[in-house]
Amino acid sequence: MGQKTINALPMTFLENRLPPPLVAALFGLAIWLLSPLLPAVPLAGSLRLALSLLALLLGAFVSLLGVAAFRRARTTVNPLRPKDASQLVTAGIYRFSRNPMYLGMACVLLAFAIWFAVPWSLLGVLGFVLYMNRFQIQPEEQAMAALFGDEFERYRQTVRRWL
């Protein structure tokens, strides 16, 4: 009976369950733990540092712009409760990406991958993007469509999900 119950859990169970920063941290942890076990690309330390810092700063900047736009619009920043949104935010960084906070987190993971210089660690970035698309962004978009209807649909058609 226990096995049947586990198998019966729909994949929707994961939708909007984990805070995106935690998801990013888990993928970052996986990159960190697996990188020493995988072959690295020879890359000068100064170049690794410069590229990693660039990706890290870009990621932090893009994420903070997203948070600031939500704060200016006085709507919830809580990604686990998208139905609580009081406004559809389309200004600022949201003119270029529908998910700049998640894009910023992906850039931070990219910084980790660059720092470790292990090409396979890019799968961690890809895994984060795929997880976010399925378990965070799709449910958020459903909530936005329910809340904002045609306005969200027009926005969705003119601004890309990531970039």
C-alpha atoms as a PDB file:
ATOM      1  CA  MET A   1       0.000   0.000   0.000  1.00  0.00           C
ATOM      2  CA  GLY A   2       2.825   2.440   0.830  1.00  0.00           C
ATOM      3  CA  GLN A   3       4.444   1.989  -2.583  1.00  0.00           C
ATOM      4  CA  LYS A   4       1.145   2.625  -4.365  1.00  0.00           C
ATOM      5  CA  THR A   5       0.643   5.844  -2.389  1.00  0.00           C
ATOM      6  CA  ILE A   6       4.092   7.107  -3.352  1.00  0.00           C
ATOM      7  CA  ASN A   7       3.552   6.317  -7.026  1.00  0.00           C
ATOM      8  CA  ALA A   8       0.145   7.976  -6.956  1.00  0.00           C
ATOM      9  CA  LEU A   9       1.617  11.361  -5.989  1.00  0.00           C
ATOM     10  CA  PRO A  10       1.267  13.595  -9.020  1.00  0.00           C
ATOM     11  CA  MET A  11       4.225  15.658 -10.191  1.00  0.00           C
ATOM     12  CA  THR A  12       2.116  18.693  -9.356  1.00  0.00           C
ATOM     13  CA  PHE A  13       3.095  18.066  -5.736  1.00  0.00           C
ATOM     14  CA  LEU A  14       6.351  19.926  -6.424  1.00  0.00           C
ATOM     15  CA  GLU A  15       4.655  22.983  -7.926  1.00  0.00           C
ATOM     16  CA  ASN A  16       5.374  26.112  -5.893  1.00  0.00           C
ATOM     17  CA  ARG A  17       6.673  24.003  -2.992  1.00  0.00           C
ATOM     18  CA  LEU A  18      10.310  24.999  -2.707  1.00  0.00           C
ATOM     19  CA  PRO A  19      11.478  28.598  -2.520  1.00  0.00           C
ATOM     20  CA  PRO A  20      13.467  29.329  -5.716  1.00  0.00           C
ATOM     21  CA  PRO A  21      16.555  30.480  -3.762  1.00  0.00           C
ATOM     22  CA  LEU A  22      16.549  27.062  -2.040  1.00  0.00           C
ATOM     23  CA  VAL A  23      16.247  25.310  -5.421  1.00  0.00           C
ATOM     24  CA  ALA A  24      19.185  27.369  -6.721  1.00  0.00           C
ATOM     25  CA  ALA A  25      21.177  26.593  -3.569  1.00  0.00           C
ATOM     26  CA  LEU A  26      20.528  22.855  -3.987  1.00  0.00           C
ATOM     27  CA  PHE A  27      21.704  22.941  -7.591  1.00  0.00           C
ATOM     28  CA  GLY A  28      24.702  25.027  -6.498  1.00  0.00           C
ATOM     29  CA  LEU A  29      25.495  22.464  -3.821  1.00  0.00           C
ATOM     30  CA  ALA A  30      25.312  19.682  -6.420  1.00  0.00           C
ATOM     31  CA  ILE A  31      27.681  21.616  -8.700  1.00  0.00           C
ATOM     32  CA  TRP A  32      30.091  22.162  -5.817  1.00  0.00           C
ATOM     33  CA  LEU A  33      30.005  18.524  -4.663  1.00  0.00           C
ATOM     34  CA  LEU A  34      30.272  16.952  -8.120  1.00  0.00           C
ATOM     35  CA  SER A  35      32.829  19.284  -9.682  1.00  0.00           C
ATOM     36  CA  PRO A  36      35.885  17.767  -7.952  1.00  0.00           C
ATOM     37  CA  LEU A  37      34.834  14.362  -9.301  1.00  0.00           C
ATOM     38  CA  LEU A  38      34.627  15.464 -12.938  1.00  0.00           C
ATOM     39  CA  PRO A  39      37.311  16.523 -15.411  1.00  0.00           C
ATOM     40  CA  ALA A  40      38.010  20.238 -15.463  1.00  0.00           C
ATOM     41  CA  VAL A  41      39.030  22.456 -18.352  1.00  0.00           C
ATOM     42  CA  PRO A  42      42.403  24.116 -17.895  1.00  0.00           C
ATOM     43  CA  LEU A  43      41.521  27.764 -17.362  1.00  0.00           C
ATOM     44  CA  ALA A  44      43.798  30.417 -15.866  1.00  0.00           C
ATOM     45  CA  GLY A  45      42.785  31.320 -12.327  1.00  0.00           C
ATOM     46  CA  SER A  46      42.543  35.032 -13.111  1.00  0.00           C
ATOM     47  CA  LEU A  47      40.264  34.387 -16.101  1.00  0.00           C
ATOM     48  CA  ARG A  48      38.109  32.013 -14.049  1.00  0.00           C
ATOM     49  CA  LEU A  49      37.840  34.610 -11.312  1.00  0.00           C
ATOM     50  CA  ALA A  50      36.978  37.435 -13.713  1.00  0.00           C
ATOM     51  CA  LEU A  51      34.342  35.443 -15.608  1.00  0.00           C
ATOM     52  CA  SER A  52      32.851  34.030 -12.408  1.00  0.00           C
ATOM     53  CA  LEU A  53      32.636  37.461 -10.809  1.00  0.00           C
ATOM     54  CA  LEU A  54      31.055  38.886 -13.942  1.00  0.00           C
ATOM     55  CA  ALA A  55      28.369  36.176 -13.993  1.00  0.00           C
ATOM     56  CA  LEU A  56      27.831  36.507 -10.230  1.00  0.00           C
ATOM     57  CA  LEU A  57      27.472  40.284 -10.304  1.00  0.00           C
ATOM     58  CA  LEU A  58      25.227  40.154 -13.363  1.00  0.00           C
ATOM     59  CA  GLY A  59      23.031  37.566 -11.668  1.00  0.00           C
ATOM     60  CA  ALA A  60      22.764  39.545  -8.444  1.00  0.00           C
ATOM     61  CA  PHE A  61      22.048  42.763 -10.343  1.00  0.00           C
ATOM     62  CA  VAL A  62      19.313  41.234 -12.526  1.00  0.00           C
ATOM     63  CA  SER A  63      17.665  39.553  -9.518  1.00  0.00           C
ATOM     64  CA  LEU A  64      17.730  42.753  -7.478  1.00  0.00           C
ATOM     65  CA  LEU A  65      16.203  44.708 -10.369  1.00  0.00           C
ATOM     66  CA  GLY A  66      13.375  42.172 -10.409  1.00  0.00           C
ATOM     67  CA  VAL A  67      12.779  42.472  -6.675  1.00  0.00           C
ATOM     68  CA  ALA A  68      12.906  46.280  -6.873  1.00  0.00           C
ATOM     69  CA  ALA A  69      10.305  46.320  -9.661  1.00  0.00           C
ATOM     70  CA  PHE A  70       7.963  44.184  -7.538  1.00  0.00           C
ATOM     71  CA  ARG A  71       8.497  46.440  -4.531  1.00  0.00           C
ATOM     72  CA  ARG A  72       7.761  49.562  -6.605  1.00  0.00           C
ATOM     73  CA  ALA A  73       4.557  47.935  -7.850  1.00  0.00           C
ATOM     74  CA  ARG A  74       3.692  46.981  -4.247  1.00  0.00           C
ATOM     75  CA  THR A  75       2.950  43.391  -5.127  1.00  0.00           C
ATOM     76  CA  THR A  76       4.095  40.177  -3.508  1.00  0.00           C
ATOM     77  CA  VAL A  77       7.606  38.900  -4.061  1.00  0.00           C
ATOM     78  CA  ASN A  78       6.664  35.536  -2.520  1.00  0.00           C
ATOM     79  CA  PRO A  79       7.045  32.981  -5.343  1.00  0.00           C
ATOM     80  CA  LEU A  80       5.189  30.318  -3.359  1.00  0.00           C
ATOM     81  CA  ARG A  81       1.952  32.327  -3.457  1.00  0.00           C
ATOM     82  CA  PRO A  82       1.583  33.690  -7.003  1.00  0.00           C
ATOM     83  CA  LYS A  83      -2.184  34.020  -6.555  1.00  0.00           C
ATOM     84  CA  ASP A  84      -1.505  36.830  -4.068  1.00  0.00           C
ATOM     85  CA  ALA A  85      -0.158  39.103  -6.826  1.00  0.00           C
ATOM     86  CA  SER A  86      -1.953  42.432  -6.849  1.00  0.00           C
ATOM     87  CA  GLN A  87      -0.399  43.721 -10.082  1.00  0.00           C
ATOM     88  CA  LEU A  88       1.141  42.407 -13.248  1.00  0.00           C
ATOM     89  CA  VAL A  89       4.640  43.861 -13.307  1.00  0.00           C
ATOM     90  CA  THR A  90       5.782  44.665 -16.860  1.00  0.00           C
ATOM     91  CA  ALA A  91       8.053  47.666 -16.312  1.00  0.00           C
ATOM     92  CA  GLY A  92      11.782  47.930 -15.774  1.00  0.00           C
ATOM     93  CA  ILE A  93      13.678  44.670 -16.175  1.00  0.00           C
ATOM     94  CA  TYR A  94      10.346  42.928 -16.834  1.00  0.00           C
ATOM     95  CA  ARG A  95      10.329  44.503 -20.302  1.00  0.00           C
ATOM     96  CA  PHE A  96      13.146  42.092 -21.210  1.00  0.00           C
ATOM     97  CA  SER A  97      12.437  38.980 -19.142  1.00  0.00           C
ATOM     98  CA  ARG A  98       9.314  37.636 -17.479  1.00  0.00           C
ATOM     99  CA  ASN A  99      11.496  35.995 -14.814  1.00  0.00           C
ATOM    100  CA  PRO A 100      14.521  38.152 -14.059  1.00  0.00           C
ATOM    101  CA  MET A 101      14.859  36.893 -10.489  1.00  0.00           C
ATOM    102  CA  TYR A 102      15.188  33.314 -11.731  1.00  0.00           C
ATOM    103  CA  LEU A 103      17.438  34.438 -14.573  1.00  0.00           C
ATOM    104  CA  GLY A 104      19.683  36.051 -11.974  1.00  0.00           C
ATOM    105  CA  MET A 105      19.808  32.824  -9.983  1.00  0.00           C
ATOM    106  CA  ALA A 106      20.749  30.922 -13.141  1.00  0.00           C
ATOM    107  CA  CYS A 107      23.585  33.420 -13.706  1.00  0.00           C
ATOM    108  CA  VAL A 108      24.835  32.803 -10.163  1.00  0.00           C
ATOM    109  CA  LEU A 109      24.847  29.065 -10.879  1.00  0.00           C
ATOM    110  CA  LEU A 110      26.706  29.806 -14.108  1.00  0.00           C
ATOM    111  CA  ALA A 111      29.279  31.656 -12.004  1.00  0.00           C
ATOM    112  CA  PHE A 112      29.767  28.468  -9.952  1.00  0.00           C
ATOM    113  CA  ALA A 113      30.138  26.397 -13.104  1.00  0.00           C
ATOM    114  CA  ILE A 114      32.727  28.814 -14.502  1.00  0.00           C
ATOM    115  CA  TRP A 115      34.632  28.922 -11.226  1.00  0.00           C
ATOM    116  CA  PHE A 116      34.979  25.134 -11.109  1.00  0.00           C
ATOM    117  CA  ALA A 117      35.785  25.006 -14.864  1.00  0.00           C
ATOM    118  CA  VAL A 118      33.942  21.701 -15.212  1.00  0.00           C
ATOM    119  CA  PRO A 119      31.828  21.676 -18.371  1.00  0.00           C
ATOM    120  CA  TRP A 120      29.531  19.015 -16.907  1.00  0.00           C
ATOM    121  CA  SER A 121      28.560  21.447 -14.143  1.00  0.00           C
ATOM    122  CA  LEU A 122      26.615  23.383 -16.769  1.00  0.00           C
ATOM    123  CA  LEU A 123      24.082  20.566 -16.441  1.00  0.00           C
ATOM    124  CA  GLY A 124      23.361  21.988 -12.989  1.00  0.00           C
ATOM    125  CA  VAL A 125      22.401  25.300 -14.567  1.00  0.00           C
ATOM    126  CA  LEU A 126      20.269  23.475 -17.131  1.00  0.00           C
ATOM    127  CA  GLY A 127      18.670  21.383 -14.383  1.00  0.00           C
ATOM    128  CA  PHE A 128      17.759  24.545 -12.483  1.00  0.00           C
ATOM    129  CA  VAL A 129      16.189  26.101 -15.586  1.00  0.00           C
ATOM    130  CA  LEU A 130      14.198  22.936 -16.373  1.00  0.00           C
ATOM    131  CA  TYR A 131      13.022  22.575 -12.769  1.00  0.00           C
ATOM    132  CA  MET A 132      12.000  26.221 -12.593  1.00  0.00           C
ATOM    133  CA  ASN A 133      10.155  26.046 -15.921  1.00  0.00           C
ATOM    134  CA  ARG A 134       8.100  23.038 -14.836  1.00  0.00           C
ATOM    135  CA  PHE A 135       7.537  23.474 -11.117  1.00  0.00           C
ATOM    136  CA  GLN A 136       7.697  27.215 -10.553  1.00  0.00           C
ATOM    137  CA  ILE A 137       7.133  29.239 -13.717  1.00  0.00           C
ATOM    138  CA  GLN A 138       4.312  27.206 -15.270  1.00  0.00           C
ATOM    139  CA  PRO A 139       2.169  27.393 -12.091  1.00  0.00           C
ATOM    140  CA  GLU A 140       2.994  31.093 -11.745  1.00  0.00           C
ATOM    141  CA  GLU A 141       1.935  31.721 -15.335  1.00  0.00           C
ATOM    142  CA  GLN A 142      -1.324  29.862 -14.754  1.00  0.00           C
ATOM    143  CA  ALA A 143      -2.000  32.065 -11.735  1.00  0.00           C
ATOM    144  CA  MET A 144      -1.121  35.230 -13.703  1.00  0.00           C
ATOM    145  CA  ALA A 145      -3.416  34.170 -16.551  1.00  0.00           C
ATOM    146  CA  ALA A 146      -6.248  33.609 -14.071  1.00  0.00           C
ATOM    147  CA  LEU A 147      -5.629  36.932 -12.336  1.00  0.00           C
ATOM    148  CA  PHE A 148      -4.829  39.194 -15.277  1.00  0.00           C
ATOM    149  CA  GLY A 149      -6.337  37.444 -18.317  1.00  0.00           C
ATOM    150  CA  ASP A 150      -5.737  39.171 -21.649  1.00  0.00           C
ATOM    151  CA  GLU A 151      -3.250  41.618 -20.147  1.00  0.00           C
ATOM    152  CA  PHE A 152      -0.995  38.730 -19.109  1.00  0.00           C
ATOM    153  CA  GLU A 153      -1.478  36.970 -22.451  1.00  0.00           C
ATOM    154  CA  ARG A 154      -0.334  40.079 -24.349  1.00  0.00           C
ATOM    155  CA  TYR A 155       2.648  40.395 -22.032  1.00  0.00           C
ATOM    156  CA  ARG A 156       3.472  36.690 -22.399  1.00  0.00           C
ATOM    157  CA  GLN A 157       3.443  37.014 -26.173  1.00  0.00           C
ATOM    158  CA  THR A 158       5.764  40.035 -26.241  1.00  0.00           C
ATOM    159  CA  VAL A 159       8.321  39.220 -23.504  1.00  0.00           C
ATOM    160  CA  ARG A 160      10.305  36.001 -23.373  1.00  0.00           C
ATOM    161  CA  ARG A 161      10.255  33.723 -20.337  1.00  0.00           C
ATOM    162  CA  TRP A 162      13.999  33.967 -19.666  1.00  0.00           C
ATOM    163  CA  LEU A 163      15.695  36.221 -22.226  1.00  0.00           C
END
